[in-house]
Amino acid sequence: MSKYNDRPMDFADASLVALAERLSLTKIFTVDRNDFSTYRIGRKTPFTIIGP
């Protein structure tokens, strides 16, 4: 969570990012496009956002 200190990350977002990193997932379904377009997997890979 500290690497995103300029954009507050709540516990739910942090849990999803951690789980995606652990399972090597890059696709995520979310309505929170603003935050998840900022988050990265392994510090470099952006999420592929699926959703509205």
PDB file of N, CA and C in Angstrom:
ATOM      1  N   MET A   1       0.819  -1.196   0.000  1.00  0.00           N
ATOM      2  CA  MET A   1       0.000   0.000   0.000  1.00  0.00           C
ATOM      3  C   MET A   1       0.860   1.256   0.000  1.00  0.00           C
ATOM      4  N   SER A   2       2.049   1.165   0.568  1.00  0.00           N
ATOM      5  CA  SER A   2       2.877   2.369   0.671  1.00  0.00           C
ATOM      6  C   SER A   2       3.385   2.859  -0.681  1.00  0.00           C
ATOM      7  N   LYS A   3       3.494   1.974  -1.669  1.00  0.00           N
ATOM      8  CA  LYS A   3       3.982   2.452  -2.964  1.00  0.00           C
ATOM      9  C   LYS A   3       2.951   3.285  -3.702  1.00  0.00           C
ATOM     10  N   TYR A   4       1.709   3.303  -3.213  1.00  0.00           N
ATOM     11  CA  TYR A   4       0.659   4.122  -3.808  1.00  0.00           C
ATOM     12  C   TYR A   4       0.239   5.230  -2.846  1.00  0.00           C
ATOM     13  N   ASN A   5       1.195   5.804  -2.094  1.00  0.00           N
ATOM     14  CA  ASN A   5       0.849   6.781  -1.065  1.00  0.00           C
ATOM     15  C   ASN A   5       0.283   8.085  -1.628  1.00  0.00           C
ATOM     16  N   ASP A   6       0.468   8.357  -2.921  1.00  0.00           N
ATOM     17  CA  ASP A   6      -0.125   9.558  -3.507  1.00  0.00           C
ATOM     18  C   ASP A   6      -1.586   9.339  -3.896  1.00  0.00           C
ATOM     19  N   ARG A   7      -2.034   8.095  -3.893  1.00  0.00           N
ATOM     20  CA  ARG A   7      -3.430   7.753  -4.196  1.00  0.00           C
ATOM     21  C   ARG A   7      -3.874   6.774  -3.106  1.00  0.00           C
ATOM     22  N   PRO A   8      -4.710   7.224  -2.175  1.00  0.00           N
ATOM     23  CA  PRO A   8      -5.113   6.354  -1.067  1.00  0.00           C
ATOM     24  C   PRO A   8      -5.696   5.031  -1.563  1.00  0.00           C
ATOM     25  N   MET A   9      -5.194   3.938  -0.999  1.00  0.00           N
ATOM     26  CA  MET A   9      -5.652   2.597  -1.367  1.00  0.00           C
ATOM     27  C   MET A   9      -6.382   2.009  -0.169  1.00  0.00           C
ATOM     28  N   ASP A  10      -7.641   1.632  -0.373  1.00  0.00           N
ATOM     29  CA  ASP A  10      -8.363   1.037   0.745  1.00  0.00           C
ATOM     30  C   ASP A  10      -8.028  -0.451   0.857  1.00  0.00           C
ATOM     31  N   PHE A  11      -8.493  -1.068   1.931  1.00  0.00           N
ATOM     32  CA  PHE A  11      -8.157  -2.459   2.215  1.00  0.00           C
ATOM     33  C   PHE A  11      -8.644  -3.395   1.115  1.00  0.00           C
ATOM     34  N   ALA A  12      -9.820  -3.143   0.572  1.00  0.00           N
ATOM     35  CA  ALA A  12     -10.372  -4.007  -0.485  1.00  0.00           C
ATOM     36  C   ALA A  12      -9.489  -3.960  -1.733  1.00  0.00           C
ATOM     37  N   ASP A  13      -9.089  -2.767  -2.152  1.00  0.00           N
ATOM     38  CA  ASP A  13      -8.209  -2.641  -3.320  1.00  0.00           C
ATOM     39  C   ASP A  13      -6.869  -3.321  -3.061  1.00  0.00           C
ATOM     40  N   ALA A  14      -6.310  -3.102  -1.881  1.00  0.00           N
ATOM     41  CA  ALA A  14      -5.026  -3.711  -1.535  1.00  0.00           C
ATOM     42  C   ALA A  14      -5.120  -5.230  -1.555  1.00  0.00           C
ATOM     43  N   SER A  15      -6.229  -5.764  -1.079  1.00  0.00           N
ATOM     44  CA  SER A  15      -6.427  -7.217  -1.078  1.00  0.00           C
ATOM     45  C   SER A  15      -6.487  -7.761  -2.498  1.00  0.00           C
ATOM     46  N   LEU A  16      -7.190  -7.063  -3.385  1.00  0.00           N
ATOM     47  CA  LEU A  16      -7.292  -7.511  -4.775  1.00  0.00           C
ATOM     48  C   LEU A  16      -5.948  -7.433  -5.496  1.00  0.00           C
ATOM     49  N   VAL A  17      -5.193  -6.384  -5.256  1.00  0.00           N
ATOM     50  CA  VAL A  17      -3.880  -6.255  -5.877  1.00  0.00           C
ATOM     51  C   VAL A  17      -2.946  -7.350  -5.361  1.00  0.00           C
ATOM     52  N   ALA A  18      -2.948  -7.594  -4.064  1.00  0.00           N
ATOM     53  CA  ALA A  18      -2.094  -8.636  -3.486  1.00  0.00           C
ATOM     54  C   ALA A  18      -2.465 -10.017  -4.022  1.00  0.00           C
ATOM     55  N   LEU A  19      -3.747 -10.296  -4.120  1.00  0.00           N
ATOM     56  CA  LEU A  19      -4.204 -11.580  -4.644  1.00  0.00           C
ATOM     57  C   LEU A  19      -3.825 -11.736  -6.116  1.00  0.00           C
ATOM     58  N   ALA A  20      -3.982 -10.688  -6.884  1.00  0.00           N
ATOM     59  CA  ALA A  20      -3.605 -10.733  -8.301  1.00  0.00           C
ATOM     60  C   ALA A  20      -2.109 -10.988  -8.458  1.00  0.00           C
ATOM     61  N   GLU A  21      -1.294 -10.351  -7.622  1.00  0.00           N
ATOM     62  CA  GLU A  21       0.148 -10.581  -7.681  1.00  0.00           C
ATOM     63  C   GLU A  21       0.483 -12.016  -7.322  1.00  0.00           C
ATOM     64  N   ARG A  22      -0.158 -12.525  -6.292  1.00  0.00           N
ATOM     65  CA  ARG A  22       0.121 -13.896  -5.831  1.00  0.00           C
ATOM     66  C   ARG A  22      -0.285 -14.938  -6.864  1.00  0.00           C
ATOM     67  N   LEU A  23      -1.406 -14.708  -7.559  1.00  0.00           N
ATOM     68  CA  LEU A  23      -1.932 -15.677  -8.521  1.00  0.00           C
ATOM     69  C   LEU A  23      -1.542 -15.360  -9.968  1.00  0.00           C
ATOM     70  N   SER A  24      -0.728 -14.332 -10.152  1.00  0.00           N
ATOM     71  CA  SER A  24      -0.288 -13.900 -11.490  1.00  0.00           C
ATOM     72  C   SER A  24      -1.461 -13.584 -12.414  1.00  0.00           C
ATOM     73  N   LEU A  25      -2.432 -12.865 -11.886  1.00  0.00           N
ATOM     74  CA  LEU A  25      -3.601 -12.455 -12.662  1.00  0.00           C
ATOM     75  C   LEU A  25      -3.405 -11.027 -13.145  1.00  0.00           C
ATOM     76  N   THR A  26      -3.850 -10.751 -14.354  1.00  0.00           N
ATOM     77  CA  THR A  26      -3.727  -9.393 -14.877  1.00  0.00           C
ATOM     78  C   THR A  26      -5.079  -8.771 -15.207  1.00  0.00           C
ATOM     79  N   LYS A  27      -6.124  -9.581 -15.296  1.00  0.00           N
ATOM     80  CA  LYS A  27      -7.461  -9.060 -15.597  1.00  0.00           C
ATOM     81  C   LYS A  27      -8.239  -8.876 -14.307  1.00  0.00           C
ATOM     82  N   ILE A  28      -8.978  -7.775 -14.234  1.00  0.00           N
ATOM     83  CA  ILE A  28      -9.785  -7.512 -13.047  1.00  0.00           C
ATOM     84  C   ILE A  28     -11.100  -6.865 -13.466  1.00  0.00           C
ATOM     85  N   PHE A  29     -12.179  -7.301 -12.839  1.00  0.00           N
ATOM     86  CA  PHE A  29     -13.482  -6.687 -13.065  1.00  0.00           C
ATOM     87  C   PHE A  29     -13.701  -5.671 -11.961  1.00  0.00           C
ATOM     88  N   THR A  30     -13.879  -4.418 -12.336  1.00  0.00           N
ATOM     89  CA  THR A  30     -14.081  -3.358 -11.349  1.00  0.00           C
ATOM     90  C   THR A  30     -14.784  -2.165 -11.984  1.00  0.00           C
ATOM     91  N   VAL A  31     -15.460  -1.412 -11.150  1.00  0.00           N
ATOM     92  CA  VAL A  31     -16.028  -0.137 -11.584  1.00  0.00           C
ATOM     93  C   VAL A  31     -15.103   1.010 -11.163  1.00  0.00           C
ATOM     94  N   ASP A  32     -14.041   0.669 -10.452  1.00  0.00           N
ATOM     95  CA  ASP A  32     -13.077   1.634  -9.926  1.00  0.00           C
ATOM     96  C   ASP A  32     -11.910   1.804 -10.906  1.00  0.00           C
ATOM     97  N   ARG A  33     -12.213   2.274 -12.108  1.00  0.00           N
ATOM     98  CA  ARG A  33     -11.200   2.409 -13.158  1.00  0.00           C
ATOM     99  C   ARG A  33     -10.068   3.361 -12.775  1.00  0.00           C
ATOM    100  N   ASN A  34     -10.390   4.455 -12.113  1.00  0.00           N
ATOM    101  CA  ASN A  34      -9.358   5.448 -11.786  1.00  0.00           C
ATOM    102  C   ASN A  34      -8.235   4.851 -10.952  1.00  0.00           C
ATOM    103  N   ASP A  35      -8.591   4.132  -9.904  1.00  0.00           N
ATOM    104  CA  ASP A  35      -7.561   3.552  -9.047  1.00  0.00           C
ATOM    105  C   ASP A  35      -6.845   2.395  -9.731  1.00  0.00           C
ATOM    106  N   PHE A  36      -7.594   1.479 -10.319  1.00  0.00           N
ATOM    107  CA  PHE A  36      -6.963   0.294 -10.885  1.00  0.00           C
ATOM    108  C   PHE A  36      -6.177   0.584 -12.159  1.00  0.00           C
ATOM    109  N   SER A  37      -6.385   1.716 -12.772  1.00  0.00           N
ATOM    110  CA  SER A  37      -5.530   2.084 -13.904  1.00  0.00           C
ATOM    111  C   SER A  37      -4.165   2.558 -13.411  1.00  0.00           C
ATOM    112  N   THR A  38      -4.071   2.898 -12.131  1.00  0.00           N
ATOM    113  CA  THR A  38      -2.815   3.323 -11.521  1.00  0.00           C
ATOM    114  C   THR A  38      -2.028   2.149 -10.958  1.00  0.00           C
ATOM    115  N   TYR A  39      -2.707   1.184 -10.368  1.00  0.00           N
ATOM    116  CA  TYR A  39      -2.051   0.053  -9.713  1.00  0.00           C
ATOM    117  C   TYR A  39      -1.324  -0.819 -10.721  1.00  0.00           C
ATOM    118  N   ARG A  40      -0.233  -1.424 -10.279  1.00  0.00           N
ATOM    119  CA  ARG A  40       0.584  -2.295 -11.121  1.00  0.00           C
ATOM    120  C   ARG A  40       0.827  -3.619 -10.417  1.00  0.00           C
ATOM    121  N   ILE A  41       1.001  -4.647 -11.227  1.00  0.00           N
ATOM    122  CA  ILE A  41       1.326  -5.972 -10.720  1.00  0.00           C
ATOM    123  C   ILE A  41       2.833  -6.132 -10.845  1.00  0.00           C
ATOM    124  N   GLY A  42       3.476  -6.459  -9.752  1.00  0.00           N
ATOM    125  CA  GLY A  42       4.923  -6.610  -9.790  1.00  0.00           C
ATOM    126  C   GLY A  42       5.653  -5.342 -10.184  1.00  0.00           C
ATOM    127  N   ARG A  43       5.079  -4.203  -9.878  1.00  0.00           N
ATOM    128  CA  ARG A  43       5.673  -2.873 -10.111  1.00  0.00           C
ATOM    129  C   ARG A  43       5.749  -2.448 -11.572  1.00  0.00           C
ATOM    130  N   LYS A  44       5.258  -3.283 -12.508  1.00  0.00           N
ATOM    131  CA  LYS A  44       5.378  -2.864 -13.902  1.00  0.00           C
ATOM    132  C   LYS A  44       4.169  -3.178 -14.770  1.00  0.00           C
ATOM    133  N   THR A  45       3.479  -4.273 -14.522  1.00  0.00           N
ATOM    134  CA  THR A  45       2.392  -4.705 -15.396  1.00  0.00           C
ATOM    135  C   THR A  45       1.066  -4.081 -14.978  1.00  0.00           C
ATOM    136  N   PRO A  46       0.434  -3.320 -15.861  1.00  0.00           N
ATOM    137  CA  PRO A  46      -0.871  -2.740 -15.514  1.00  0.00           C
ATOM    138  C   PRO A  46      -1.975  -3.791 -15.585  1.00  0.00           C
ATOM    139  N   PHE A  47      -3.055  -3.530 -14.890  1.00  0.00           N
ATOM    140  CA  PHE A  47      -4.220  -4.406 -14.954  1.00  0.00           C
ATOM    141  C   PHE A  47      -4.954  -4.201 -16.271  1.00  0.00           C
ATOM    142  N   THR A  48      -5.538  -5.272 -16.778  1.00  0.00           N
ATOM    143  CA  THR A  48      -6.511  -5.181 -17.859  1.00  0.00           C
ATOM    144  C   THR A  48      -7.857  -5.082 -17.171  1.00  0.00           C
ATOM    145  N   ILE A  49      -8.510  -3.946 -17.310  1.00  0.00           N
ATOM    146  CA  ILE A  49      -9.752  -3.689 -16.580  1.00  0.00           C
ATOM    147  C   ILE A  49     -10.940  -4.125 -17.420  1.00  0.00           C
ATOM    148  N   ILE A  50     -11.771  -4.965 -16.811  1.00  0.00           N
ATOM    149  CA  ILE A  50     -12.999  -5.436 -17.438  1.00  0.00           C
ATOM    150  C   ILE A  50     -14.149  -4.849 -16.641  1.00  0.00           C
ATOM    151  N   GLY A  51     -15.087  -4.256 -17.306  1.00  0.00           N
ATOM    152  CA  GLY A  51     -16.228  -3.689 -16.595  1.00  0.00           C
ATOM    153  C   GLY A  51     -16.751  -2.455 -17.292  1.00  0.00           C
ATOM    154  N   PRO A  52     -17.727  -1.845 -16.641  1.00  0.00           N
ATOM    155  CA  PRO A  52     -18.371  -0.680 -17.257  1.00  0.00           C
ATOM    156  C   PRO A  52     -17.433   0.499 -17.430  1.00  0.00           C
TER     157      PRO A  52
END
